[in-house]
Protein backbone atom coordinates (compact mmCIF):
# COMPACT_ATOMS: atom_id res chain seq x y z
CA MET A 1 -2.40 8.42 -14.24
CA MET A 2 1.19 7.86 -13.09
CA SER A 3 2.49 10.50 -15.52
CA TYR A 4 0.06 13.01 -13.99
CA PHE A 5 1.28 12.00 -10.51
CA TYR A 6 4.90 12.53 -11.58
CA LYS A 7 4.08 16.01 -12.92
CA MET A 8 2.51 17.10 -9.64
CA SER A 9 4.45 19.32 -7.27
CA LEU A 10 6.04 17.77 -4.20
CA LYS A 11 3.55 19.60 -1.99
CA LYS A 12 0.61 18.16 -3.90
CA ARG A 13 2.12 14.66 -3.80
CA ILE A 14 2.62 14.92 -0.02
CA GLN A 15 -0.97 16.13 0.37
CA LEU A 16 -2.29 13.34 -1.84
CA ILE A 17 -0.33 10.61 -0.05
CA TYR A 18 -1.25 12.04 3.36
CA ILE A 19 -4.95 12.16 2.48
CA PHE A 20 -4.78 8.65 1.01
CA LEU A 21 -3.17 7.22 4.15
CA VAL A 22 -5.59 9.06 6.46
CA VAL A 23 -8.62 7.93 4.46
CA LEU A 24 -7.26 4.38 4.35
CA CYS A 25 -6.61 4.25 8.10
CA ILE A 26 -9.93 5.87 8.99
CA SER A 27 -11.81 3.57 6.61
CA VAL A 28 -10.14 0.43 7.90
CA THR A 29 -10.67 1.51 11.54
CA GLY A 30 -14.30 2.45 10.92
CA ILE A 31 -15.15 -0.68 8.98
CA CYS A 32 -13.42 -2.96 11.47
CA SER A 33 -15.14 -1.19 14.39
CA TYR A 34 -18.51 -1.48 12.69
CA LEU A 35 -18.00 -5.16 11.89
CA PHE A 36 -16.86 -5.85 15.44
CA ALA A 37 -19.89 -4.01 16.85
CA ALA A 38 -22.17 -5.84 14.43
CA LYS A 39 -20.81 -9.21 15.47
CA SER A 40 -21.09 -8.31 19.17
CA ILE A 41 -24.66 -7.02 18.85
CA GLU A 42 -25.71 -10.00 16.77
CA ARG A 43 -24.09 -12.43 19.22
CA ASN A 44 -25.69 -10.71 22.23
CA ALA A 45 -29.07 -10.58 20.51
CA LEU A 46 -28.89 -14.27 19.68
CA GLU A 47 -27.94 -15.10 23.24
CA LEU A 48 -30.86 -13.02 24.49
CA LYS A 49 -33.19 -14.82 22.10
CA LYS A 50 -31.93 -18.16 23.31
CA SER A 51 -32.42 -17.09 26.92
CA ILE A 52 -36.00 -15.95 26.23
CA LEU A 53 -36.72 -19.14 24.35
CA ASN A 54 -35.32 -21.38 27.11
CA LYS A 55 -37.28 -19.48 29.74
CA SER A 56 -40.48 -19.77 27.70
CA VAL A 57 -39.87 -23.51 27.19
CA GLN A 58 -39.38 -23.96 30.92
CA VAL A 59 -42.58 -22.04 31.70
CA MET A 60 -44.58 -23.97 29.11
CA ASP A 61 -43.18 -27.29 30.34
CA GLU A 62 -44.05 -26.37 33.90
CA HIS A 63 -47.64 -25.56 33.00
CA LEU A 64 -48.06 -28.76 30.98
CA ARG A 65 -46.51 -30.73 33.80
CA HIS A 66 -48.89 -29.15 36.27
CA ILE A 67 -51.84 -30.02 34.02
CA VAL A 68 -50.70 -33.64 33.85
CA VAL A 69 -50.18 -33.75 37.61
CA SER A 70 -53.58 -32.15 38.23
CA SER A 71 -55.23 -34.64 35.89
CA TYR A 72 -53.65 -37.61 37.63
CA SER A 73 -54.56 -36.10 41.01
CA PHE A 74 -58.15 -36.03 39.76
CA MET A 75 -57.84 -39.78 39.10
CA LEU A 76 -56.60 -40.41 42.63
CA GLY A 77 -59.77 -39.04 44.25
CA ASP A 78 -62.25 -41.31 46.03
CA THR A 79 -65.07 -40.40 43.66
CA PHE A 80 -63.01 -41.35 40.60
CA THR A 81 -62.00 -44.59 42.30
CA GLN A 82 -65.63 -45.42 42.99
CA VAL A 83 -66.54 -44.72 39.35
CA MET A 84 -63.73 -47.03 38.22
CA GLN A 85 -65.12 -49.81 40.49
CA ASP A 86 -68.52 -49.41 38.79
CA VAL A 87 -66.75 -49.56 35.42
CA ARG A 88 -64.95 -52.71 36.44
CA ASN A 89 -68.28 -54.21 37.69
CA HIS A 90 -70.12 -52.88 34.58
CA ASN A 91 -72.56 -51.22 36.95
CA ASP A 92 -74.24 -48.38 35.05
CA GLY A 93 -77.08 -47.97 37.52
CA ARG A 94 -75.14 -45.48 39.57
CA TYR A 95 -74.28 -43.25 36.53
CA TYR A 96 -76.24 -40.16 37.59
CA GLN A 97 -75.12 -40.53 41.18
CA ASN A 98 -71.50 -40.73 40.07
CA LEU A 99 -71.99 -37.80 37.64
CA SER A 100 -73.31 -35.71 40.51
CA LEU A 101 -70.41 -36.70 42.78
CA LEU A 102 -67.84 -35.85 40.05
CA GLN A 103 -69.13 -32.28 39.63
CA THR A 104 -67.24 -31.22 42.72
CA THR A 105 -64.09 -32.98 41.50
CA PHE A 106 -64.36 -31.33 38.05
CA ALA A 107 -64.76 -27.93 39.75
CA GLN A 108 -61.69 -28.58 41.95
CA LEU A 109 -59.66 -29.54 38.86
CA LYS A 110 -60.37 -26.17 37.26
CA LEU A 111 -59.56 -24.35 40.45
CA VAL A 112 -56.25 -26.14 40.85
CA GLU A 113 -55.27 -25.45 37.23
CA PRO A 114 -56.95 -22.32 35.76
CA LEU A 115 -55.64 -23.20 32.27
CA ILE A 116 -58.08 -26.14 32.13
CA ASP A 117 -61.25 -25.18 30.31
CA THR A 118 -63.12 -28.48 30.27
CA ALA A 119 -62.58 -32.08 31.27
CA TYR A 120 -64.24 -35.16 29.80
CA LEU A 121 -64.17 -38.73 31.16
CA LYS A 122 -65.05 -41.50 28.68
CA THR A 123 -66.10 -44.85 30.29
CA PRO A 124 -68.07 -47.91 29.14
CA ILE A 125 -70.83 -47.11 31.66
CA GLY A 126 -71.21 -43.51 30.45
CA ASN A 127 -69.38 -40.26 29.86
CA PHE A 128 -68.73 -37.86 32.75
CA PHE A 129 -68.19 -34.07 32.52
CA SER A 130 -69.11 -30.85 34.20
CA THR A 131 -72.73 -30.16 33.56
CA LYS A 132 -71.91 -26.48 33.13
CA ASP A 133 -69.87 -27.13 29.99
CA PHE A 134 -72.69 -28.09 27.59
CA PRO A 135 -71.36 -31.37 26.17
CA ASN A 136 -72.28 -32.72 22.75
CA GLN A 137 -73.85 -36.08 21.98
CA SER A 138 -72.28 -39.18 23.39
CA ALA A 139 -70.77 -40.18 20.06
CA ALA A 140 -68.54 -37.09 19.93
CA PHE A 141 -65.57 -38.79 21.63
CA ASP A 142 -65.52 -41.68 19.17
CA ASN A 143 -65.76 -39.25 16.26
CA GLU A 144 -62.81 -37.19 17.51
CA TYR A 145 -60.55 -39.70 19.23
CA GLY A 146 -61.84 -43.10 18.11
CA GLU A 147 -58.91 -43.77 15.76
CA VAL A 148 -56.30 -42.14 17.97
CA VAL A 149 -56.88 -44.32 21.02
CA LYS A 150 -56.22 -47.42 18.93
CA LYS A 151 -52.55 -46.53 18.66
CA PRO A 152 -50.43 -48.79 20.85
CA GLY A 153 -47.92 -47.80 23.52
CA TRP A 154 -49.19 -44.47 24.73
CA ASN A 155 -50.33 -43.12 28.11
CA THR A 156 -50.71 -39.43 27.32
CA MET A 157 -51.32 -37.61 24.06
CA TRP A 158 -51.24 -33.88 23.37
CA PHE A 159 -53.24 -32.19 20.66
CA GLY A 160 -52.67 -28.72 19.30
CA SER A 161 -55.16 -25.98 18.64
CA HIS A 162 -58.52 -27.33 17.47
CA ALA A 163 -62.25 -26.90 18.03
CA SER A 164 -63.31 -29.55 20.53
CA ALA A 165 -66.20 -31.73 19.35
CA LEU A 166 -66.92 -32.79 22.92
CA PHE A 167 -68.46 -29.49 23.93
CA GLN A 168 -70.56 -26.87 22.23
CA SER A 169 -68.87 -23.70 20.86
CA ARG A 170 -66.10 -23.35 23.44
CA GLY A 171 -63.53 -21.93 21.04
CA ASN A 172 -60.23 -23.54 20.10
CA VAL A 173 -58.49 -25.54 22.76
CA LEU A 174 -55.37 -27.64 23.34
CA SER A 175 -56.17 -31.13 24.54
CA LEU A 176 -54.53 -33.74 26.73
CA LEU A 177 -55.70 -37.34 26.28
CA LEU A 178 -54.82 -39.69 29.18
CA LYS A 179 -55.32 -43.29 30.11
CA PRO A 180 -56.39 -43.82 33.75
CA ILE A 181 -53.86 -44.95 36.30
CA VAL A 182 -53.86 -48.56 37.46
CA ILE A 183 -56.25 -49.13 40.38
CA ASP A 184 -55.93 -52.33 42.41
CA ASN A 185 -53.73 -53.84 39.69
CA HIS A 186 -56.58 -53.43 37.23
CA THR A 187 -56.26 -51.55 33.95
CA PHE A 188 -59.17 -49.99 32.16
CA SER A 189 -58.88 -50.37 28.41
CA GLU A 190 -61.91 -48.31 27.41
CA VAL A 191 -61.57 -45.50 29.92
CA TYR A 192 -60.03 -42.22 28.68
CA MET A 193 -59.87 -38.72 30.06
CA VAL A 194 -59.68 -35.59 27.89
CA VAL A 195 -58.49 -32.31 29.43
CA ASN A 196 -59.00 -29.20 27.26
CA MET A 197 -56.98 -26.02 27.85
CA ARG A 198 -58.02 -22.66 26.55
CA GLU A 199 -55.85 -21.66 23.60
CA ALA A 200 -56.02 -17.96 24.53
CA ALA A 201 -54.69 -18.71 28.01
CA MET A 202 -51.90 -20.85 26.55
CA ARG A 203 -51.06 -18.07 24.11
CA ASP A 204 -50.74 -15.63 27.00
CA ILE A 205 -48.24 -17.97 28.63
CA LEU A 206 -46.35 -18.12 25.35
CA ASN A 207 -46.08 -14.33 25.04
CA GLN A 208 -45.82 -13.25 28.67
CA ASP A 209 -42.00 -13.28 28.82
CA LEU A 210 -41.40 -11.49 25.52
CA MET A 211 -39.46 -8.26 26.09
CA ASN A 212 -39.20 -7.38 22.40
CA SER A 213 -42.20 -7.17 20.14
CA GLN A 214 -39.93 -7.92 17.17
CA VAL A 215 -39.44 -11.49 18.46
CA GLN A 216 -42.27 -13.90 17.74
CA LEU A 217 -42.69 -17.17 19.64
CA PHE A 218 -44.48 -20.12 18.15
CA LEU A 219 -45.41 -23.48 19.58
CA LEU A 220 -45.20 -25.82 16.62
CA HIS A 221 -45.41 -29.46 15.90
CA LYS A 222 -42.29 -30.97 14.41
CA ASN A 223 -44.03 -31.12 11.05
CA GLY A 224 -44.34 -27.32 11.14
CA SER A 225 -48.04 -27.08 11.99
CA GLU A 226 -49.07 -24.67 14.73
CA VAL A 227 -49.90 -25.96 18.20
CA ILE A 228 -50.96 -22.48 19.33
CA ARG A 229 -52.12 -19.98 16.76
CA PRO A 230 -50.76 -16.39 16.98
CA GLY A 231 -53.12 -13.79 18.33
CA SER A 232 -53.18 -11.72 15.11
CA GLY A 233 -52.60 -12.62 11.48
CA THR A 234 -52.08 -16.04 10.06
CA PHE A 235 -48.74 -17.81 10.10
CA ASN A 236 -48.41 -21.13 8.43
CA LEU A 237 -44.74 -21.89 8.74
CA VAL A 238 -45.26 -25.38 7.43
CA THR A 239 -45.65 -23.83 4.00
CA GLU A 240 -42.24 -22.18 4.11
CA PRO A 241 -39.80 -24.18 1.95
CA GLY A 242 -37.49 -26.32 4.03
CA PHE A 243 -38.58 -24.79 7.34
CA ALA A 244 -40.12 -27.84 9.03
CA GLN A 245 -37.25 -30.09 7.93
CA ARG A 246 -34.83 -28.05 10.04
CA LEU A 247 -36.70 -28.77 13.26
CA ASN A 248 -35.46 -32.37 13.32
CA ARG A 249 -33.21 -31.87 16.33
CA GLY A 250 -34.24 -31.20 19.90
CA VAL A 251 -32.60 -27.77 20.03
CA GLY A 252 -30.81 -25.54 17.53
CA ASP A 253 -30.88 -22.40 15.42
CA PHE A 254 -30.69 -21.51 11.74
CA THR A 255 -31.30 -18.71 9.25
CA TYR A 256 -33.76 -18.94 6.42
CA THR A 257 -35.36 -16.68 3.85
CA ASN A 258 -39.12 -16.48 3.98
CA GLY A 259 -41.53 -16.08 1.10
CA GLN A 260 -41.18 -12.28 1.19
CA GLY A 261 -37.42 -12.53 0.74
CA GLN A 262 -36.62 -11.55 4.34
CA ASP A 263 -33.78 -13.20 6.22
CA MET A 264 -35.16 -14.65 9.44
CA LEU A 265 -33.22 -15.84 12.51
CA VAL A 266 -34.76 -18.93 14.09
CA ASN A 267 -34.10 -20.60 17.46
CA TYR A 268 -36.01 -23.68 18.53
CA SER A 269 -36.18 -26.11 21.44
CA ALA A 270 -38.41 -29.16 22.02
CA LEU A 271 -40.59 -29.38 25.13
CA SER A 272 -39.65 -32.03 27.64
CA MET A 273 -43.32 -32.81 28.36
CA ASN A 274 -44.00 -33.46 24.70
CA GLU A 275 -41.01 -33.82 22.41
CA ASP A 276 -43.24 -33.53 19.34
CA TRP A 277 -43.93 -29.92 20.31
CA VAL A 278 -41.21 -27.40 19.52
CA MET A 279 -40.97 -23.84 20.82
CA VAL A 280 -39.73 -21.62 18.00
CA SER A 281 -38.61 -17.97 18.18
CA VAL A 282 -38.51 -16.07 14.89
CA GLN A 283 -37.08 -12.60 14.32
CA SER A 284 -36.22 -10.67 11.20
CA LYS A 285 -32.49 -10.27 10.81
CA ALA A 286 -33.09 -6.68 9.70
CA ASP A 287 -35.00 -5.99 12.93
CA LEU A 288 -32.31 -7.68 14.99
CA LEU A 289 -29.58 -5.57 13.43
CA SER A 290 -31.60 -2.35 13.30
CA PRO A 291 -29.47 -0.78 16.10
CA LEU A 292 -26.50 -1.17 13.76
CA LYS A 293 -28.01 1.41 11.41
CA LYS A 294 -27.37 4.11 13.99
CA ILE A 295 -23.90 2.79 14.62
CA ARG A 296 -23.22 2.64 10.87
CA TRP A 297 -24.31 6.24 10.33
CA LEU A 298 -22.37 7.33 13.40
CA VAL A 299 -19.22 5.63 12.06
CA ILE A 300 -19.77 7.19 8.63
CA LEU A 301 -20.20 10.66 10.14
CA ILE A 302 -17.05 10.24 12.25
CA MET A 303 -15.13 9.04 9.18
CA LEU A 304 -16.36 12.01 7.11
CA PHE A 305 -15.45 14.43 9.88
CA CYS A 306 -11.94 12.95 10.19
CA ILE A 307 -11.46 13.00 6.42
CA LEU A 308 -12.60 16.63 6.17
CA LEU A 309 -10.29 17.52 9.05
CA ALA A 310 -7.43 15.74 7.28
CA LEU A 311 -8.18 17.68 4.10
CA ALA A 312 -8.15 20.94 6.03
CA LEU A 313 -4.88 20.10 7.77
CA SER A 314 -3.13 18.60 4.72
CA ASP A 315 -2.19 21.99 3.27
CA LEU A 316 -0.94 23.26 6.65
CA LEU A 317 1.00 20.07 7.26
CA SER A 318 2.61 19.95 3.81
CA SER A 319 3.55 23.65 4.05
CA ALA A 320 5.17 23.06 7.45
CA LEU A 321 7.08 20.04 6.16
CA LEU A 322 8.22 21.81 2.99
CA LYS A 323 9.12 25.14 4.62
CA PRO A 324 12.87 24.29 4.95
CA LEU A 325 12.87 22.85 1.42
CA ASN A 326 11.20 25.96 -0.02
CA LYS A 327 13.76 28.07 1.78
CA LEU A 328 16.53 26.00 0.21
CA ARG A 329 14.86 26.40 -3.18
CA ARG A 330 14.79 30.20 -2.82
CA LEU A 331 18.49 30.17 -1.98
CA MET A 332 19.19 28.14 -5.12
CA VAL A 333 17.30 30.72 -7.19
CA GLU A 334 19.55 33.43 -5.70
CA VAL A 335 22.59 31.34 -6.61
CA GLU A 336 21.32 31.23 -10.21
CA TYR A 337 21.72 35.01 -10.21
CA ASN A 338 25.38 34.59 -9.18
CA ASP A 339 24.90 35.35 -5.49
CA LEU A 340 27.28 32.83 -3.95
CA ASP A 341 27.32 34.46 -0.53
CA VAL A 342 23.91 33.06 0.53
CA ARG A 343 23.86 30.33 3.16
CA PHE A 344 21.18 27.93 4.40
CA ARG A 345 20.31 28.11 8.09
CA SER A 346 17.69 26.06 9.93
CA LYS A 347 16.83 25.24 13.54
CA TYR A 348 15.86 21.71 12.53
CA ASP A 349 18.21 18.76 12.40
CA ASP A 350 16.57 16.67 9.69
CA GLU A 351 17.29 15.41 6.19
CA VAL A 352 16.48 18.77 4.57
CA SER A 353 18.85 20.52 6.96
CA ALA A 354 21.53 17.97 6.08
CA VAL A 355 21.00 18.78 2.38
CA GLY A 356 21.14 22.49 3.22
CA HIS A 357 24.47 22.11 5.03
CA ARG A 358 25.85 20.20 2.06
CA PHE A 359 24.53 22.99 -0.15
CA ASN A 360 26.55 25.45 1.95
CA ARG A 361 29.67 23.32 1.56
CA MET A 362 29.03 23.10 -2.18
CA LEU A 363 28.84 26.91 -2.42
CA GLU A 364 32.10 27.17 -0.51
CA GLN A 365 33.71 24.66 -2.89
CA ILE A 366 32.31 26.54 -5.88
CA GLN A 367 33.83 29.78 -4.59
CA ILE A 368 37.15 28.02 -4.12
CA LEU A 369 36.90 26.53 -7.63
CA PHE A 370 36.05 29.95 -9.06
CA GLU A 371 39.18 31.33 -7.45
CA GLU A 372 41.22 28.42 -8.78
CA VAL A 373 39.78 28.80 -12.28
CA ARG A 374 40.39 32.53 -12.17
CA ALA A 375 43.98 31.91 -11.11
CA THR A 376 44.37 29.20 -13.76
CA GLU A 377 43.05 31.47 -16.47
CA GLN A 378 45.44 34.17 -15.35
CA ASP A 379 48.33 31.69 -15.47
CA LYS A 380 47.15 30.51 -18.87
CA ARG A 381 47.06 34.04 -20.24
CA ARG A 382 50.43 34.77 -18.70
CA LEU A 383 52.01 31.66 -20.19
CA GLU A 384 50.40 32.34 -23.55
CA VAL A 385 51.82 35.82 -23.54
CA LYS A 386 55.20 34.37 -22.64
CA ALA A 387 54.89 31.89 -25.50
CA LEU A 388 54.10 34.69 -27.92
CA GLN A 389 56.93 36.71 -26.48
CA ALA A 390 59.19 33.75 -27.04
CA GLN A 391 58.49 33.66 -30.74
CA VAL A 392 59.23 37.37 -31.06
CA ASP A 393 62.44 37.09 -29.04
CA PRO A 394 64.49 40.27 -29.63
CA HIS A 395 67.55 38.26 -30.55
CA PHE A 396 65.63 36.26 -33.15
CA LEU A 397 63.88 39.37 -34.46
CA TYR A 398 67.14 41.30 -34.57
CA ASN A 399 68.92 38.57 -36.58
CA THR A 400 65.97 38.23 -38.94
CA LEU A 401 65.69 41.98 -39.64
CA ASN A 402 69.47 42.31 -39.93
CA THR A 403 69.58 39.51 -42.49
CA MET A 404 66.75 41.12 -44.41
CA PHE A 405 68.64 44.45 -44.42
CA TRP A 406 71.89 43.04 -45.80
CA LYS A 407 70.08 40.96 -48.37
CA SER A 408 68.23 44.08 -49.45
CA GLU A 409 71.56 45.96 -49.73
CA SER A 410 72.95 43.07 -51.74
CA GLY A 411 70.03 43.22 -54.13
CA GLU A 412 68.58 39.86 -53.11
CA LYS A 413 65.03 41.15 -53.25
CA LYS A 414 63.40 37.71 -53.71
CA ASP A 415 65.01 36.41 -50.53
CA VAL A 416 63.91 39.54 -48.68
CA SER A 417 60.35 39.15 -49.96
CA ALA A 418 60.30 35.49 -48.94
CA MET A 419 61.56 36.36 -45.45
CA ILE A 420 58.91 39.06 -45.03
CA VAL A 421 56.18 36.59 -46.03
CA SER A 422 57.56 33.93 -43.65
CA LEU A 423 57.81 36.42 -40.78
CA SER A 424 54.26 37.62 -41.43
CA LEU A 425 52.91 34.05 -41.57
CA LEU A 426 54.86 33.17 -38.43
CA PHE A 427 53.18 35.94 -36.46
CA ARG A 428 49.72 35.33 -37.93
CA LEU A 429 49.82 31.57 -37.25
CA GLY A 430 51.18 32.19 -33.76
CA LEU A 431 48.35 34.59 -32.91
CA ASN A 432 45.78 32.08 -34.30
CA ASP A 433 42.96 34.64 -34.00
CA GLY A 434 43.40 34.70 -30.23
CA LYS A 435 42.61 30.98 -29.81
CA ASP A 436 44.67 28.58 -27.71
CA ILE A 437 43.90 25.55 -29.87
CA THR A 438 45.08 25.00 -33.42
CA THR A 439 45.47 22.00 -35.72
CA VAL A 440 48.51 19.85 -36.37
CA GLU A 441 48.58 21.17 -39.94
CA GLN A 442 48.66 24.81 -38.81
CA GLU A 443 51.30 23.98 -36.18
CA ILE A 444 53.48 22.43 -38.92
CA LYS A 445 53.11 25.58 -41.07
CA HIS A 446 54.04 27.74 -38.09
CA VAL A 447 57.23 25.85 -37.26
CA GLU A 448 58.10 25.57 -40.95
CA GLN A 449 58.01 29.39 -41.37
CA TYR A 450 60.21 29.67 -38.29
CA MET A 451 62.78 27.21 -39.65
CA GLN A 452 62.81 28.94 -43.07
CA LEU A 453 63.59 32.28 -41.40
CA GLN A 454 66.34 30.66 -39.33
CA GLN A 455 67.85 29.10 -42.50
CA GLN A 456 67.99 32.57 -44.04
CA CYS A 457 69.65 33.95 -40.91
CA TYR A 458 72.09 31.01 -40.45
CA GLU A 459 72.93 29.82 -43.96
CA ASP A 460 74.32 26.30 -44.25
CA LEU A 461 73.65 25.71 -40.54
CA PHE A 462 71.00 23.02 -40.77
CA GLU A 463 68.47 21.26 -42.90
CA TYR A 464 65.02 20.07 -41.78
CA ARG A 465 62.46 17.40 -42.63
CA ILE A 466 58.86 17.04 -41.52
CA GLU A 467 57.16 13.64 -41.48
CA ALA A 468 53.51 13.72 -40.47
CA GLN A 469 50.75 11.19 -41.05
CA GLU A 470 47.84 12.55 -43.05
CA SER A 471 45.42 11.28 -40.38
CA CYS A 472 47.13 13.49 -37.82
CA LYS A 473 46.83 16.84 -39.59
CA GLY A 474 43.24 17.51 -38.61
CA ILE A 475 43.76 16.82 -34.90
CA GLU A 476 43.43 19.83 -32.60
CA ILE A 477 46.35 20.60 -30.28
CA LEU A 478 47.71 23.45 -28.17
CA LYS A 479 49.45 26.05 -30.32
CA ILE A 480 53.20 26.81 -30.37
CA LEU A 481 54.46 23.38 -29.24
CA LEU A 482 57.08 22.62 -31.88
CA GLN A 483 58.72 26.08 -32.25
CA PRO A 484 60.33 26.10 -28.73
CA LEU A 485 61.81 22.65 -29.38
CA VAL A 486 63.20 23.60 -32.80
CA GLU A 487 64.55 26.85 -31.34
CA ASN A 488 66.31 24.80 -28.65
CA SER A 489 67.97 22.60 -31.33
CA ILE A 490 69.12 25.58 -33.43
CA LEU A 491 70.46 27.75 -30.62
CA HIS A 492 71.99 25.03 -28.45
CA GLY A 493 72.30 21.84 -30.50
CA PHE A 494 74.16 23.37 -33.47
CA ASN A 495 76.00 26.11 -31.57
CA ASP A 496 79.40 24.37 -31.54
CA LYS A 497 78.82 21.98 -34.42
CA GLU A 498 80.97 22.24 -37.55
CA ASP A 499 79.01 19.79 -39.70
CA LEU A 500 75.66 20.49 -41.28
CA GLY A 501 72.86 20.09 -38.77
CA ASP A 502 69.74 18.06 -39.41
CA ILE A 503 66.30 18.51 -37.77
CA LEU A 504 63.61 15.81 -38.14
CA ILE A 505 60.05 16.49 -37.02
CA ARG A 506 57.93 13.32 -36.83
CA ILE A 507 54.23 13.36 -35.93
CA ASP A 508 52.23 10.15 -35.59
CA LEU A 509 49.43 8.45 -33.70
CA HIS A 510 50.01 5.91 -30.98
CA GLU A 511 46.73 4.31 -29.79
CA ASP A 512 44.74 7.20 -28.25
CA THR A 513 47.67 9.66 -28.01
CA LEU A 514 49.43 11.99 -30.41
CA ARG A 515 53.23 12.00 -30.43
CA LEU A 516 55.29 15.01 -31.63
CA ALA A 517 59.03 14.24 -31.78
CA VAL A 518 61.84 16.73 -32.69
CA THR A 519 65.23 15.06 -33.36
CA ASP A 520 68.52 16.80 -34.14
CA ASN A 521 72.10 15.62 -34.65
CA GLY A 522 73.49 18.37 -32.49
CA CYS A 523 76.12 18.23 -29.78
CA GLY A 524 73.72 16.68 -27.29
CA MET A 525 73.41 17.55 -23.62
CA ASP A 526 73.27 16.31 -20.08
CA VAL A 527 69.53 15.83 -19.48
CA ALA A 528 69.87 15.80 -15.70
CA LYS A 529 71.79 19.05 -15.73
CA MET A 530 69.27 20.61 -18.12
CA ASN A 531 66.39 19.70 -15.82
CA ALA A 532 68.15 21.38 -12.93
CA GLU A 533 68.69 24.59 -14.96
CA GLU A 534 65.07 24.84 -16.15
CA ALA A 535 63.97 26.80 -13.11
CA THR A 536 66.87 29.30 -13.33
CA GLU A 537 65.66 32.81 -14.18
CA GLY A 538 67.31 34.40 -17.18
CA ASN A 539 68.26 31.04 -18.70
CA ARG A 540 66.70 31.23 -22.13
CA LYS A 541 66.84 27.52 -22.68
CA GLY A 542 65.29 26.63 -19.32
CA TYR A 543 62.74 29.41 -19.59
CA ALA A 544 61.34 28.23 -22.95
CA ILE A 545 61.07 24.56 -21.98
CA SER A 546 59.60 25.33 -18.54
CA ASN A 547 56.98 27.58 -20.13
CA LEU A 548 56.08 24.80 -22.56
CA VAL A 549 55.71 22.25 -19.74
CA ASP A 550 53.45 24.60 -17.75
CA ARG A 551 51.21 25.19 -20.76
CA LEU A 552 50.90 21.43 -21.38
CA ASN A 553 49.96 20.81 -17.75
CA LEU A 554 47.33 23.56 -17.77
CA GLN A 555 45.73 22.26 -20.95
CA TYR A 556 46.04 18.49 -20.62
CA GLY A 557 46.92 17.81 -17.01
CA GLU A 558 48.84 14.63 -16.18
CA GLN A 559 47.82 13.03 -19.47
CA ALA A 560 50.46 15.05 -21.36
CA SER A 561 54.23 14.59 -21.09
CA LEU A 562 57.48 16.05 -22.45
CA VAL A 563 60.51 13.74 -22.46
CA PHE A 564 64.16 14.43 -23.46
CA HIS A 565 66.44 11.73 -24.90
CA SER A 566 69.99 13.01 -25.55
CA GLU A 567 73.48 11.68 -26.04
CA ILE A 568 76.63 13.87 -26.08
CA ASN A 569 78.01 14.48 -29.63
CA VAL A 570 75.25 12.28 -31.07
CA GLY A 571 72.03 14.28 -30.86
CA THR A 572 68.84 15.00 -28.96
CA THR A 573 65.21 13.84 -29.30
CA VAL A 574 62.37 15.60 -27.54
CA VAL A 575 58.96 13.81 -27.49
CA ILE A 576 55.68 15.47 -26.61
CA THR A 577 52.79 13.09 -25.90
CA ILE A 578 49.29 14.51 -25.61
CA PRO A 579 45.85 12.82 -25.45
CA ILE A 580 43.56 12.97 -28.47
CA ARG A 581 40.27 14.70 -27.64
């Protein structure tokens, strides 16, 4: 994958990185926005659910409180007080009279609290009720509440949805069981009042404040059983695993998964009138977060639009960014075809422009270097020609040909033949097939032919020796280095010398340099004076040495050196040091 990325063009890499960054930023922004919106909507929805639940609890508590108050108000009436006196006196002779008197009170109770469906008063002297409500046999109370009333420490009891056995076919009701209030410091142990409320009316109270049909309110007992049944369908939350156990606190909320695998959000709050009854609101989490589907699709569409826009603009953007670079590239192609007059120009002041300006300076330097190289090559050719001219010096050539002529006249044909061969080899080795570089071995042969010709021209003038390490003979060096030095010894070192001259050529290696030394036992010279005369035109001695120094500098630079060591009437040593390449 990375190798493919490296092989891509710069434009494609810029496009790819640009698209990656845009997609990354858009994705992070979209996802974070969606998550933030989801959290806000969920939080607001939960707060709304809690508000609805609290309002419904308050309404239900108020109705239950009003029922309790209405029931106790019923017990404060004169008729009820008179009935309680008969109960205390065990006077059952006034039963029908009291029943008749209580009809008005029962009617007033229903008018005061419309939720009350029926009321039933259980006393030892007889049971009292509204004659319009079709009561059952007298034993119905004991069958329904006989065991309940035996529980100690209660004054009121609430019962959830059930079919009342006290009356005939009245439908399911919610019931309130009360003990009578104390009258004249007398308590009535066997007197109980049952107030039945229509379940349908209580259900209407439960659902009247619901603003969202997706939220379901339940009035449950803490064990999970239903106090008020829903109007449609059957819901038995007590069968849901772990549901009832979470209603152990007075108020709270939790999330659970129902039997169908749906995540449900639950809020609950106990009623203050009956803490065993809990108001529970249940809503599917999917329904609660359904508005997020629109937001999610909207975010996705916006992200896709931005990504497509980025894709469309990526090519335009990369082309605009690379325009100066492409221009610089075209100029480089022109330079490849040897057009060094092109120059980069840009109205921008950026990194590419900086590179372009350096490119312009580089072209200027290249042009200057071309001129310098051209001048150097011209100097090199000129010096080479001078070096070749030096070896065919007219004076030397004249002496050599003159010697050959007189030897031919004298019949010394072998010497003449040898001189012709030496002269021919001298010229051939000097030309070196037009190359500037030769080997140490060829350079030795060249100077040896020169010295043999000079020995023929100047008999008994000098002798020569050549000492060269075998490891040095294959090293490449600049041609015609030794001949000017030997010529200097012959023409100037032995000019006024009466004894036999001696020339020693020693070639050896010293670390990473090659040393060529020419030593003679000539008359010697003043080195300082010789250096001053080197630049004098027409001075043969200065001209040859100066030409040699220039050629060494052109070929080897400062790494090469030519040094004179001389002593008057003792001799001269010239050492050339050049680097081994």
